[in-house]
Amino acid sequence: MMAKHVTVGCKLPNGLVFEVEGLTVTLNGNRQEAGHVTGGYGLTQVDKVFFDAWLAIHAQQPYIKNGVVFAQSIQNSARSQAREQAGTVSELEPLSQENPLPGIARDDEAMRQKG
C-alpha cells in the first residue's frame, strides 16, 4: 500500500508555501514549536499526490537539490534524514553574535552604550 502522505522537512526559518493549481500547503519552518523540529528541520505532513505534483514543477530548485527541503513517505525516516542532515546550511541561519562575519568585529562598547 502506498503512503497517502509524506513528511516534508524544511530548514527555512519561516517555512515555505507550496501552491499547486490554486491549493496551498504551508510547511513548518525550523523556527516552529519544538515538537515539529528535528535536526533543524520543521516537519509537516503533506498529501503525497499534492507533493508529487509540486515536486514535478520545482525539482530543480536549489533548496531541493541542496537538501534544504526533502520528503519521506515514513515519518520516522524523515526524522532520521533530518538528524543526518542537521549540518545542511540554508544560508538563512542567524549570525553568530560572537563572530558575525569575516572582517566584521563585534562592537561591545556600542552595545553597552545602547544598554
PDB file of N, CA and C in Angstrom:
ATOM      1  N   MET A   1       0.841  -1.182   0.000  1.00  0.00           N
ATOM      2  CA  MET A   1       0.000   0.000   0.000  1.00  0.00           C
ATOM      3  C   MET A   1       0.884   1.241   0.000  1.00  0.00           C
ATOM      4  N   MET A   2       0.617   2.159  -0.878  1.00  0.00           N
ATOM      5  CA  MET A   2       1.421   3.376  -0.980  1.00  0.00           C
ATOM      6  C   MET A   2       0.979   4.385   0.072  1.00  0.00           C
ATOM      7  N   ALA A   3       1.946   5.176   0.522  1.00  0.00           N
ATOM      8  CA  ALA A   3       1.647   6.211   1.510  1.00  0.00           C
ATOM      9  C   ALA A   3       0.741   7.275   0.899  1.00  0.00           C
ATOM     10  N   LYS A   4      -0.229   7.719   1.677  1.00  0.00           N
ATOM     11  CA  LYS A   4      -1.114   8.778   1.215  1.00  0.00           C
ATOM     12  C   LYS A   4      -0.556  10.144   1.574  1.00  0.00           C
ATOM     13  N   HIS A   5       0.382  10.148   2.506  1.00  0.00           N
ATOM     14  CA  HIS A   5       1.025  11.386   2.931  1.00  0.00           C
ATOM     15  C   HIS A   5       2.530  11.190   2.940  1.00  0.00           C
ATOM     16  N   VAL A   6       3.238  12.276   2.833  1.00  0.00           N
ATOM     17  CA  VAL A   6       4.680  12.274   3.031  1.00  0.00           C
ATOM     18  C   VAL A   6       4.974  13.274   4.143  1.00  0.00           C
ATOM     19  N   THR A   7       6.102  13.074   4.799  1.00  0.00           N
ATOM     20  CA  THR A   7       6.564  14.046   5.783  1.00  0.00           C
ATOM     21  C   THR A   7       7.634  14.873   5.103  1.00  0.00           C
ATOM     22  N   VAL A   8       7.400  16.178   5.046  1.00  0.00           N
ATOM     23  CA  VAL A   8       8.321  17.091   4.374  1.00  0.00           C
ATOM     24  C   VAL A   8       9.141  17.813   5.427  1.00  0.00           C
ATOM     25  N   GLY A   9      10.461  17.779   5.246  1.00  0.00           N
ATOM     26  CA  GLY A   9      11.369  18.525   6.105  1.00  0.00           C
ATOM     27  C   GLY A   9      11.738  19.834   5.434  1.00  0.00           C
ATOM     28  N   CYS A  10      11.745  20.912   6.219  1.00  0.00           N
ATOM     29  CA  CYS A  10      12.051  22.240   5.679  1.00  0.00           C
ATOM     30  C   CYS A  10      12.977  22.967   6.647  1.00  0.00           C
ATOM     31  N   LYS A  11      14.160  23.343   6.168  1.00  0.00           N
ATOM     32  CA  LYS A  11      15.144  24.008   7.018  1.00  0.00           C
ATOM     33  C   LYS A  11      15.088  25.530   6.890  1.00  0.00           C
ATOM     34  N   LEU A  12      14.096  26.056   6.214  1.00  0.00           N
ATOM     35  CA  LEU A  12      13.932  27.505   6.113  1.00  0.00           C
ATOM     36  C   LEU A  12      13.272  28.009   7.397  1.00  0.00           C
ATOM     37  N   PRO A  13      13.726  29.132   7.941  1.00  0.00           N
ATOM     38  CA  PRO A  13      13.215  29.596   9.239  1.00  0.00           C
ATOM     39  C   PRO A  13      11.696  29.762   9.301  1.00  0.00           C
ATOM     40  N   ASN A  14      11.104  30.333   8.291  1.00  0.00           N
ATOM     41  CA  ASN A  14       9.668  30.611   8.316  1.00  0.00           C
ATOM     42  C   ASN A  14       8.851  29.622   7.512  1.00  0.00           C
ATOM     43  N   GLY A  15       9.468  28.524   7.102  1.00  0.00           N
ATOM     44  CA  GLY A  15       8.753  27.542   6.314  1.00  0.00           C
ATOM     45  C   GLY A  15       8.688  27.940   4.851  1.00  0.00           C
ATOM     46  N   LEU A  16       7.766  27.335   4.148  1.00  0.00           N
ATOM     47  CA  LEU A  16       7.622  27.568   2.718  1.00  0.00           C
ATOM     48  C   LEU A  16       6.169  27.286   2.356  1.00  0.00           C
ATOM     49  N   VAL A  17       5.626  28.069   1.456  1.00  0.00           N
ATOM     50  CA  VAL A  17       4.253  27.841   0.999  1.00  0.00           C
ATOM     51  C   VAL A  17       4.317  27.136  -0.351  1.00  0.00           C
ATOM     52  N   PHE A  18       3.733  25.943  -0.413  1.00  0.00           N
ATOM     53  CA  PHE A  18       3.609  25.195  -1.658  1.00  0.00           C
ATOM     54  C   PHE A  18       2.270  25.565  -2.283  1.00  0.00           C
ATOM     55  N   GLU A  19       2.256  25.765  -3.591  1.00  0.00           N
ATOM     56  CA  GLU A  19       0.997  26.020  -4.282  1.00  0.00           C
ATOM     57  C   GLU A  19       0.962  25.206  -5.567  1.00  0.00           C
ATOM     58  N   VAL A  20      -0.130  24.497  -5.761  1.00  0.00           N
ATOM     59  CA  VAL A  20      -0.359  23.727  -6.982  1.00  0.00           C
ATOM     60  C   VAL A  20      -1.832  23.878  -7.346  1.00  0.00           C
ATOM     61  N   GLU A  21      -2.075  24.407  -8.534  1.00  0.00           N
ATOM     62  CA  GLU A  21      -3.436  24.545  -9.063  1.00  0.00           C
ATOM     63  C   GLU A  21      -4.392  25.198  -8.063  1.00  0.00           C
ATOM     64  N   GLY A  22      -3.935  26.261  -7.419  1.00  0.00           N
ATOM     65  CA  GLY A  22      -4.781  27.010  -6.500  1.00  0.00           C
ATOM     66  C   GLY A  22      -4.850  26.472  -5.085  1.00  0.00           C
ATOM     67  N   LEU A  23      -4.320  25.285  -4.843  1.00  0.00           N
ATOM     68  CA  LEU A  23      -4.271  24.732  -3.489  1.00  0.00           C
ATOM     69  C   LEU A  23      -2.937  25.096  -2.859  1.00  0.00           C
ATOM     70  N   THR A  24      -2.952  25.410  -1.562  1.00  0.00           N
ATOM     71  CA  THR A  24      -1.707  25.747  -0.878  1.00  0.00           C
ATOM     72  C   THR A  24      -1.524  24.906   0.373  1.00  0.00           C
ATOM     73  N   VAL A  25      -0.268  24.652   0.685  1.00  0.00           N
ATOM     74  CA  VAL A  25       0.138  23.994   1.921  1.00  0.00           C
ATOM     75  C   VAL A  25       1.310  24.795   2.462  1.00  0.00           C
ATOM     76  N   THR A  26       1.269  25.121   3.742  1.00  0.00           N
ATOM     77  CA  THR A  26       2.364  25.850   4.372  1.00  0.00           C
ATOM     78  C   THR A  26       3.194  24.879   5.196  1.00  0.00           C
ATOM     79  N   LEU A  27       4.475  24.780   4.850  1.00  0.00           N
ATOM     80  CA  LEU A  27       5.384  23.915   5.594  1.00  0.00           C
ATOM     81  C   LEU A  27       5.822  24.590   6.881  1.00  0.00           C
ATOM     82  N   ASN A  28       6.001  23.790   7.926  1.00  0.00           N
ATOM     83  CA  ASN A  28       6.613  24.294   9.150  1.00  0.00           C
ATOM     84  C   ASN A  28       8.069  24.608   8.862  1.00  0.00           C
ATOM     85  N   GLY A  29       8.537  25.719   9.362  1.00  0.00           N
ATOM     86  CA  GLY A  29       9.953  26.047   9.271  1.00  0.00           C
ATOM     87  C   GLY A  29      10.657  25.611  10.538  1.00  0.00           C
ATOM     88  N   ASN A  30      11.950  25.893  10.622  1.00  0.00           N
ATOM     89  CA  ASN A  30      12.698  25.457  11.795  1.00  0.00           C
ATOM     90  C   ASN A  30      12.588  26.420  12.973  1.00  0.00           C
ATOM     91  N   ARG A  31      11.758  27.442  12.865  1.00  0.00           N
ATOM     92  CA  ARG A  31      11.504  28.346  13.988  1.00  0.00           C
ATOM     93  C   ARG A  31      10.142  28.056  14.620  1.00  0.00           C
ATOM     94  N   GLN A  32       9.597  26.872  14.354  1.00  0.00           N
ATOM     95  CA  GLN A  32       8.290  26.476  14.879  1.00  0.00           C
ATOM     96  C   GLN A  32       8.443  25.868  16.267  1.00  0.00           C
ATOM     97  N   GLU A  33       7.336  25.405  16.816  1.00  0.00           N
ATOM     98  CA  GLU A  33       7.358  24.730  18.105  1.00  0.00           C
ATOM     99  C   GLU A  33       8.312  23.541  18.047  1.00  0.00           C
ATOM    100  N   ALA A  34       8.966  23.281  19.163  1.00  0.00           N
ATOM    101  CA  ALA A  34       9.993  22.238  19.218  1.00  0.00           C
ATOM    102  C   ALA A  34       9.479  20.872  18.770  1.00  0.00           C
ATOM    103  N   GLY A  35       8.216  20.559  18.992  1.00  0.00           N
ATOM    104  CA  GLY A  35       7.679  19.259  18.611  1.00  0.00           C
ATOM    105  C   GLY A  35       7.671  19.016  17.118  1.00  0.00           C
ATOM    106  N   HIS A  36       7.778  20.087  16.338  1.00  0.00           N
ATOM    107  CA  HIS A  36       7.755  19.961  14.884  1.00  0.00           C
ATOM    108  C   HIS A  36       9.139  20.122  14.269  1.00  0.00           C
ATOM    109  N   VAL A  37      10.184  20.233  15.098  1.00  0.00           N
ATOM    110  CA  VAL A  37      11.531  20.472  14.580  1.00  0.00           C
ATOM    111  C   VAL A  37      12.444  19.324  14.992  1.00  0.00           C
ATOM    112  N   THR A  38      13.140  18.765  14.014  1.00  0.00           N
ATOM    113  CA  THR A  38      14.128  17.713  14.246  1.00  0.00           C
ATOM    114  C   THR A  38      15.347  18.034  13.405  1.00  0.00           C
ATOM    115  N   GLY A  39      16.527  18.052  14.015  1.00  0.00           N
ATOM    116  CA  GLY A  39      17.763  18.300  13.272  1.00  0.00           C
ATOM    117  C   GLY A  39      17.773  19.644  12.562  1.00  0.00           C
ATOM    118  N   GLY A  40      17.005  20.596  13.077  1.00  0.00           N
ATOM    119  CA  GLY A  40      16.945  21.909  12.447  1.00  0.00           C
ATOM    120  C   GLY A  40      15.952  22.000  11.298  1.00  0.00           C
ATOM    121  N   TYR A  41      15.139  20.963  11.115  1.00  0.00           N
ATOM    122  CA  TYR A  41      14.115  20.945  10.064  1.00  0.00           C
ATOM    123  C   TYR A  41      12.728  20.986  10.691  1.00  0.00           C
ATOM    124  N   GLY A  42      11.870  21.860  10.190  1.00  0.00           N
ATOM    125  CA  GLY A  42      10.459  21.788  10.526  1.00  0.00           C
ATOM    126  C   GLY A  42       9.855  20.640   9.735  1.00  0.00           C
ATOM    127  N   LEU A  43       8.983  19.863  10.354  1.00  0.00           N
ATOM    128  CA  LEU A  43       8.379  18.704   9.690  1.00  0.00           C
ATOM    129  C   LEU A  43       6.875  18.921   9.532  1.00  0.00           C
ATOM    130  N   THR A  44       6.362  18.582   8.360  1.00  0.00           N
ATOM    131  CA  THR A  44       4.948  18.782   8.042  1.00  0.00           C
ATOM    132  C   THR A  44       4.431  17.590   7.248  1.00  0.00           C
ATOM    133  N   GLN A  45       3.249  17.093   7.599  1.00  0.00           N
ATOM    134  CA  GLN A  45       2.586  16.047   6.820  1.00  0.00           C
ATOM    135  C   GLN A  45       1.905  16.701   5.615  1.00  0.00           C
ATOM    136  N   VAL A  46       2.159  16.164   4.427  1.00  0.00           N
ATOM    137  CA  VAL A  46       1.603  16.723   3.193  1.00  0.00           C
ATOM    138  C   VAL A  46       1.032  15.573   2.362  1.00  0.00           C
ATOM    139  N   ASP A  47      -0.101  15.805   1.735  1.00  0.00           N
ATOM    140  CA  ASP A  47      -0.694  14.819   0.836  1.00  0.00           C
ATOM    141  C   ASP A  47       0.322  14.446  -0.247  1.00  0.00           C
ATOM    142  N   LYS A  48       0.527  13.146  -0.456  1.00  0.00           N
ATOM    143  CA  LYS A  48       1.557  12.680  -1.387  1.00  0.00           C
ATOM    144  C   LYS A  48       1.287  13.120  -2.826  1.00  0.00           C
ATOM    145  N   VAL A  49       0.059  13.039  -3.277  1.00  0.00           N
ATOM    146  CA  VAL A  49      -0.263  13.441  -4.653  1.00  0.00           C
ATOM    147  C   VAL A  49       0.050  14.929  -4.843  1.00  0.00           C
ATOM    148  N   PHE A  50      -0.332  15.741  -3.864  1.00  0.00           N
ATOM    149  CA  PHE A  50      -0.048  17.177  -3.917  1.00  0.00           C
ATOM    150  C   PHE A  50       1.458  17.416  -3.950  1.00  0.00           C
ATOM    151  N   PHE A  51       2.201  16.746  -3.061  1.00  0.00           N
ATOM    152  CA  PHE A  51       3.653  16.942  -3.018  1.00  0.00           C
ATOM    153  C   PHE A  51       4.297  16.517  -4.328  1.00  0.00           C
ATOM    154  N   ASP A  52       3.897  15.378  -4.863  1.00  0.00           N
ATOM    155  CA  ASP A  52       4.479  14.907  -6.123  1.00  0.00           C
ATOM    156  C   ASP A  52       4.231  15.898  -7.261  1.00  0.00           C
ATOM    157  N   ALA A  53       3.034  16.489  -7.290  1.00  0.00           N
ATOM    158  CA  ALA A  53       2.725  17.495  -8.319  1.00  0.00           C
ATOM    159  C   ALA A  53       3.595  18.736  -8.127  1.00  0.00           C
ATOM    160  N   TRP A  54       3.763  19.159  -6.878  1.00  0.00           N
ATOM    161  CA  TRP A  54       4.602  20.324  -6.587  1.00  0.00           C
ATOM    162  C   TRP A  54       6.059  20.030  -6.966  1.00  0.00           C
ATOM    163  N   LEU A  55       6.547  18.841  -6.596  1.00  0.00           N
ATOM    164  CA  LEU A  55       7.939  18.477  -6.862  1.00  0.00           C
ATOM    165  C   LEU A  55       8.217  18.393  -8.362  1.00  0.00           C
ATOM    166  N   ALA A  56       7.256  17.940  -9.140  1.00  0.00           N
ATOM    167  CA  ALA A  56       7.445  17.862 -10.596  1.00  0.00           C
ATOM    168  C   ALA A  56       7.752  19.236 -11.181  1.00  0.00           C
ATOM    169  N   ILE A  57       7.216  20.274 -10.567  1.00  0.00           N
ATOM    170  CA  ILE A  57       7.441  21.645 -11.036  1.00  0.00           C
ATOM    171  C   ILE A  57       8.737  22.229 -10.479  1.00  0.00           C
ATOM    172  N   HIS A  58       9.076  21.888  -9.236  1.00  0.00           N
ATOM    173  CA  HIS A  58      10.151  22.573  -8.512  1.00  0.00           C
ATOM    174  C   HIS A  58      11.398  21.722  -8.244  1.00  0.00           C
ATOM    175  N   ALA A  59      11.503  20.558  -8.852  1.00  0.00           N
ATOM    176  CA  ALA A  59      12.600  19.633  -8.542  1.00  0.00           C
ATOM    177  C   ALA A  59      13.992  20.220  -8.753  1.00  0.00           C
ATOM    178  N   GLN A  60      14.133  21.188  -9.642  1.00  0.00           N
ATOM    179  CA  GLN A  60      15.458  21.747  -9.932  1.00  0.00           C
ATOM    180  C   GLN A  60      15.812  22.953  -9.061  1.00  0.00           C
ATOM    181  N   GLN A  61      14.942  23.324  -8.149  1.00  0.00           N
ATOM    182  CA  GLN A  61      15.225  24.461  -7.276  1.00  0.00           C
ATOM    183  C   GLN A  61      16.399  24.132  -6.349  1.00  0.00           C
ATOM    184  N   PRO A  62      17.264  25.111  -6.079  1.00  0.00           N
ATOM    185  CA  PRO A  62      18.420  24.862  -5.210  1.00  0.00           C
ATOM    186  C   PRO A  62      18.041  24.312  -3.835  1.00  0.00           C
ATOM    187  N   TYR A  63      16.937  24.762  -3.260  1.00  0.00           N
ATOM    188  CA  TYR A  63      16.577  24.280  -1.924  1.00  0.00           C
ATOM    189  C   TYR A  63      16.174  22.807  -1.929  1.00  0.00           C
ATOM    190  N   ILE A  64      15.774  22.276  -3.080  1.00  0.00           N
ATOM    191  CA  ILE A  64      15.518  20.837  -3.198  1.00  0.00           C
ATOM    192  C   ILE A  64      16.839  20.111  -3.426  1.00  0.00           C
ATOM    193  N   LYS A  65      17.607  20.578  -4.388  1.00  0.00           N
ATOM    194  CA  LYS A  65      18.877  19.929  -4.738  1.00  0.00           C
ATOM    195  C   LYS A  65      19.865  19.933  -3.574  1.00  0.00           C
ATOM    196  N   ASN A  66      19.814  20.976  -2.722  1.00  0.00           N
ATOM    197  CA  ASN A  66      20.759  21.088  -1.608  1.00  0.00           C
ATOM    198  C   ASN A  66      20.241  20.469  -0.316  1.00  0.00           C
ATOM    199  N   GLY A  67      19.069  19.862  -0.350  1.00  0.00           N
ATOM    200  CA  GLY A  67      18.546  19.173   0.830  1.00  0.00           C
ATOM    201  C   GLY A  67      17.921  20.074   1.879  1.00  0.00           C
ATOM    202  N   VAL A  68      17.653  21.323   1.544  1.00  0.00           N
ATOM    203  CA  VAL A  68      17.006  22.228   2.491  1.00  0.00           C
ATOM    204  C   VAL A  68      15.535  21.835   2.658  1.00  0.00           C
ATOM    205  N   VAL A  69      14.941  21.284   1.610  1.00  0.00           N
ATOM    206  CA  VAL A  69      13.582  20.731   1.651  1.00  0.00           C
ATOM    207  C   VAL A  69      13.659  19.311   1.102  1.00  0.00           C
ATOM    208  N   PHE A  70      13.070  18.360   1.823  1.00  0.00           N
ATOM    209  CA  PHE A  70      13.052  16.960   1.380  1.00  0.00           C
ATOM    210  C   PHE A  70      11.760  16.311   1.858  1.00  0.00           C
ATOM    211  N   ALA A  71      11.470  15.119   1.354  1.00  0.00           N
ATOM    212  CA  ALA A  71      10.274  14.384   1.795  1.00  0.00           C
ATOM    213  C   ALA A  71      10.592  12.905   1.945  1.00  0.00           C
ATOM    214  N   GLN A  72       9.912  12.283   2.883  1.00  0.00           N
ATOM    215  CA  GLN A  72       9.995  10.844   3.110  1.00  0.00           C
ATOM    216  C   GLN A  72       8.580  10.310   3.301  1.00  0.00           C
ATOM    217  N   SER A  73       8.337   9.087   2.851  1.00  0.00           N
ATOM    218  CA  SER A  73       7.000   8.503   2.983  1.00  0.00           C
ATOM    219  C   SER A  73       6.720   7.995   4.396  1.00  0.00           C
ATOM    220  N   ILE A  74       7.770   7.792   5.188  1.00  0.00           N
ATOM    221  CA  ILE A  74       7.614   7.324   6.567  1.00  0.00           C
ATOM    222  C   ILE A  74       8.133   8.416   7.500  1.00  0.00           C
ATOM    223  N   GLN A  75       7.317   8.788   8.488  1.00  0.00           N
ATOM    224  CA  GLN A  75       7.679   9.895   9.371  1.00  0.00           C
ATOM    225  C   GLN A  75       9.003   9.651  10.094  1.00  0.00           C
ATOM    226  N   ASN A  76       9.231   8.442  10.584  1.00  0.00           N
ATOM    227  CA  ASN A  76      10.498   8.161  11.269  1.00  0.00           C
ATOM    228  C   ASN A  76      11.684   8.298  10.325  1.00  0.00           C
ATOM    229  N   SER A  77      11.490   7.960   9.058  1.00  0.00           N
ATOM    230  CA  SER A  77      12.561   8.141   8.071  1.00  0.00           C
ATOM    231  C   SER A  77      12.848   9.619   7.862  1.00  0.00           C
ATOM    232  N   ALA A  78      11.811  10.445   7.877  1.00  0.00           N
ATOM    233  CA  ALA A  78      12.004  11.893   7.743  1.00  0.00           C
ATOM    234  C   ALA A  78      12.774  12.428   8.941  1.00  0.00           C
ATOM    235  N   ARG A  79      12.420  11.974  10.139  1.00  0.00           N
ATOM    236  CA  ARG A  79      13.150  12.411  11.340  1.00  0.00           C
ATOM    237  C   ARG A  79      14.617  11.982  11.267  1.00  0.00           C
ATOM    238  N   SER A  80      14.851  10.754  10.812  1.00  0.00           N
ATOM    239  CA  SER A  80      16.230  10.265  10.676  1.00  0.00           C
ATOM    240  C   SER A  80      17.005  11.089   9.657  1.00  0.00           C
ATOM    241  N   GLN A  81      16.389  11.362   8.507  1.00  0.00           N
ATOM    242  CA  GLN A  81      17.065  12.160   7.485  1.00  0.00           C
ATOM    243  C   GLN A  81      17.348  13.563   8.013  1.00  0.00           C
ATOM    244  N   ALA A  82      16.413  14.138   8.739  1.00  0.00           N
ATOM    245  CA  ALA A  82      16.617  15.481   9.306  1.00  0.00           C
ATOM    246  C   ALA A  82      17.808  15.481  10.261  1.00  0.00           C
ATOM    247  N   ARG A  83      17.909  14.452  11.105  1.00  0.00           N
ATOM    248  CA  ARG A  83      19.059  14.370  12.027  1.00  0.00           C
ATOM    249  C   ARG A  83      20.365  14.186  11.257  1.00  0.00           C
ATOM    250  N   GLU A  84      20.344  13.334  10.220  1.00  0.00           N
ATOM    251  CA  GLU A  84      21.546  13.100   9.413  1.00  0.00           C
ATOM    252  C   GLU A  84      21.994  14.362   8.685  1.00  0.00           C
ATOM    253  N   GLN A  85      21.045  15.199   8.287  1.00  0.00           N
ATOM    254  CA  GLN A  85      21.353  16.407   7.526  1.00  0.00           C
ATOM    255  C   GLN A  85      21.367  17.661   8.403  1.00  0.00           C
ATOM    256  N   ALA A  86      21.528  17.489   9.706  1.00  0.00           N
ATOM    257  CA  ALA A  86      21.489  18.636  10.624  1.00  0.00           C
ATOM    258  C   ALA A  86      22.506  19.707  10.240  1.00  0.00           C
ATOM    259  N   GLY A  87      23.605  19.326   9.622  1.00  0.00           N
ATOM    260  CA  GLY A  87      24.632  20.286   9.225  1.00  0.00           C
ATOM    261  C   GLY A  87      24.352  21.012   7.919  1.00  0.00           C
ATOM    262  N   THR A  88      23.272  20.652   7.233  1.00  0.00           N
ATOM    263  CA  THR A  88      22.913  21.331   5.983  1.00  0.00           C
ATOM    264  C   THR A  88      22.662  22.805   6.256  1.00  0.00           C
ATOM    265  N   VAL A  89      23.194  23.661   5.396  1.00  0.00           N
ATOM    266  CA  VAL A  89      23.077  25.106   5.578  1.00  0.00           C
ATOM    267  C   VAL A  89      22.039  25.662   4.604  1.00  0.00           C
ATOM    268  N   SER A  90      21.096  26.420   5.145  1.00  0.00           N
ATOM    269  CA  SER A  90      20.084  27.060   4.293  1.00  0.00           C
ATOM    270  C   SER A  90      20.531  28.452   3.851  1.00  0.00           C
ATOM    271  N   GLU A  91      21.576  28.969   4.465  1.00  0.00           N
ATOM    272  CA  GLU A  91      22.095  30.326   4.265  1.00  0.00           C
ATOM    273  C   GLU A  91      21.151  31.383   4.823  1.00  0.00           C
ATOM    274  N   LEU A  92      20.200  30.961   5.646  1.00  0.00           N
ATOM    275  CA  LEU A  92      19.319  31.895   6.348  1.00  0.00           C
ATOM    276  C   LEU A  92      19.457  31.750   7.863  1.00  0.00           C
ATOM    277  N   GLU A  93      20.545  31.115   8.298  1.00  0.00           N
ATOM    278  CA  GLU A  93      20.789  30.939   9.720  1.00  0.00           C
ATOM    279  C   GLU A  93      21.098  32.288  10.374  1.00  0.00           C
ATOM    280  N   PRO A  94      20.776  32.440  11.666  1.00  0.00           N
ATOM    281  CA  PRO A  94      21.129  33.678  12.366  1.00  0.00           C
ATOM    282  C   PRO A  94      22.644  33.855  12.412  1.00  0.00           C
ATOM    283  N   LEU A  95      23.086  35.095  12.400  1.00  0.00           N
ATOM    284  CA  LEU A  95      24.516  35.373  12.525  1.00  0.00           C
ATOM    285  C   LEU A  95      24.966  35.125  13.954  1.00  0.00           C
ATOM    286  N   SER A  96      26.182  34.644  14.097  1.00  0.00           N
ATOM    287  CA  SER A  96      26.780  34.470  15.412  1.00  0.00           C
ATOM    288  C   SER A  96      26.996  35.838  16.045  1.00  0.00           C
ATOM    289  N   GLN A  97      26.637  35.978  17.303  1.00  0.00           N
ATOM    290  CA  GLN A  97      26.854  37.247  17.996  1.00  0.00           C
ATOM    291  C   GLN A  97      28.321  37.429  18.380  1.00  0.00           C
ATOM    292  N   GLU A  98      29.035  36.338  18.539  1.00  0.00           N
ATOM    293  CA  GLU A  98      30.449  36.412  18.911  1.00  0.00           C
ATOM    294  C   GLU A  98      31.339  36.740  17.720  1.00  0.00           C
ATOM    295  N   ASN A  99      31.025  36.177  16.570  1.00  0.00           N
ATOM    296  CA  ASN A  99      31.850  36.346  15.381  1.00  0.00           C
ATOM    297  C   ASN A  99      30.923  36.451  14.170  1.00  0.00           C
ATOM    298  N   PRO A 100      30.308  37.638  13.949  1.00  0.00           N
ATOM    299  CA  PRO A 100      29.249  37.754  12.939  1.00  0.00           C
ATOM    300  C   PRO A 100      29.647  37.303  11.537  1.00  0.00           C
ATOM    301  N   LEU A 101      30.665  37.901  10.965  1.00  0.00           N
ATOM    302  CA  LEU A 101      31.120  37.573   9.617  1.00  0.00           C
ATOM    303  C   LEU A 101      32.603  37.882   9.511  1.00  0.00           C
ATOM    304  N   PRO A 102      33.312  37.254   8.580  1.00  0.00           N
ATOM    305  CA  PRO A 102      34.722  37.602   8.388  1.00  0.00           C
ATOM    306  C   PRO A 102      34.863  39.098   8.097  1.00  0.00           C
ATOM    307  N   GLY A 103      35.768  39.742   8.822  1.00  0.00           N
ATOM    308  CA  GLY A 103      36.014  41.166   8.618  1.00  0.00           C
ATOM    309  C   GLY A 103      35.084  42.083   9.390  1.00  0.00           C
ATOM    310  N   ILE A 104      34.134  41.518  10.121  1.00  0.00           N
ATOM    311  CA  ILE A 104      33.225  42.327  10.936  1.00  0.00           C
ATOM    312  C   ILE A 104      33.452  41.967  12.394  1.00  0.00           C
ATOM    313  N   ALA A 105      33.821  42.966  13.181  1.00  0.00           N
ATOM    314  CA  ALA A 105      34.094  42.737  14.598  1.00  0.00           C
ATOM    315  C   ALA A 105      32.896  43.177  15.432  1.00  0.00           C
ATOM    316  N   ARG A 106      32.654  42.461  16.475  1.00  0.00           N
ATOM    317  CA  ARG A 106      31.597  42.809  17.422  1.00  0.00           C
ATOM    318  C   ARG A 106      32.010  44.077  18.162  1.00  0.00           C
ATOM    319  N   ASP A 107      31.108  45.020  18.324  1.00  0.00           N
ATOM    320  CA  ASP A 107      31.399  46.290  18.999  1.00  0.00           C
ATOM    321  C   ASP A 107      30.737  46.277  20.371  1.00  0.00           C
ATOM    322  N   ASP A 108      31.459  45.712  21.353  1.00  0.00           N
ATOM    323  CA  ASP A 108      30.913  45.600  22.701  1.00  0.00           C
ATOM    324  C   ASP A 108      30.641  46.962  23.328  1.00  0.00           C
ATOM    325  N   GLU A 109      31.485  47.948  23.047  1.00  0.00           N
ATOM    326  CA  GLU A 109      31.296  49.291  23.609  1.00  0.00           C
ATOM    327  C   GLU A 109      29.970  49.890  23.126  1.00  0.00           C
ATOM    328  N   ALA A 110      29.690  49.790  21.860  1.00  0.00           N
ATOM    329  CA  ALA A 110      28.431  50.311  21.324  1.00  0.00           C
ATOM    330  C   ALA A 110      27.238  49.582  21.932  1.00  0.00           C
ATOM    331  N   MET A 111      27.373  48.298  22.160  1.00  0.00           N
ATOM    332  CA  MET A 111      26.289  47.527  22.759  1.00  0.00           C
ATOM    333  C   MET A 111      26.044  47.961  24.203  1.00  0.00           C
ATOM    334  N   ARG A 112      27.115  48.250  24.958  1.00  0.00           N
ATOM    335  CA  ARG A 112      26.968  48.717  26.343  1.00  0.00           C
ATOM    336  C   ARG A 112      26.265  50.074  26.376  1.00  0.00           C
ATOM    337  N   GLN A 113      26.624  50.953  25.455  1.00  0.00           N
ATOM    338  CA  GLN A 113      26.021  52.285  25.415  1.00  0.00           C
ATOM    339  C   GLN A 113      24.540  52.212  25.054  1.00  0.00           C
ATOM    340  N   LYS A 114      24.207  51.260  24.233  1.00  0.00           N
ATOM    341  CA  LYS A 114      22.816  51.100  23.807  1.00  0.00           C
ATOM    342  C   LYS A 114      21.961  50.573  24.957  1.00  0.00           C
ATOM    343  N   GLY A 115      22.611  49.784  25.827  1.00  0.00           N
ATOM    344  CA  GLY A 115      22.035  49.308  27.054  1.00  0.00           C
ATOM    345  C   GLY A 115      20.931  48.409  27.015  1.00  0.00           C
TER     346      GLY A 115
END
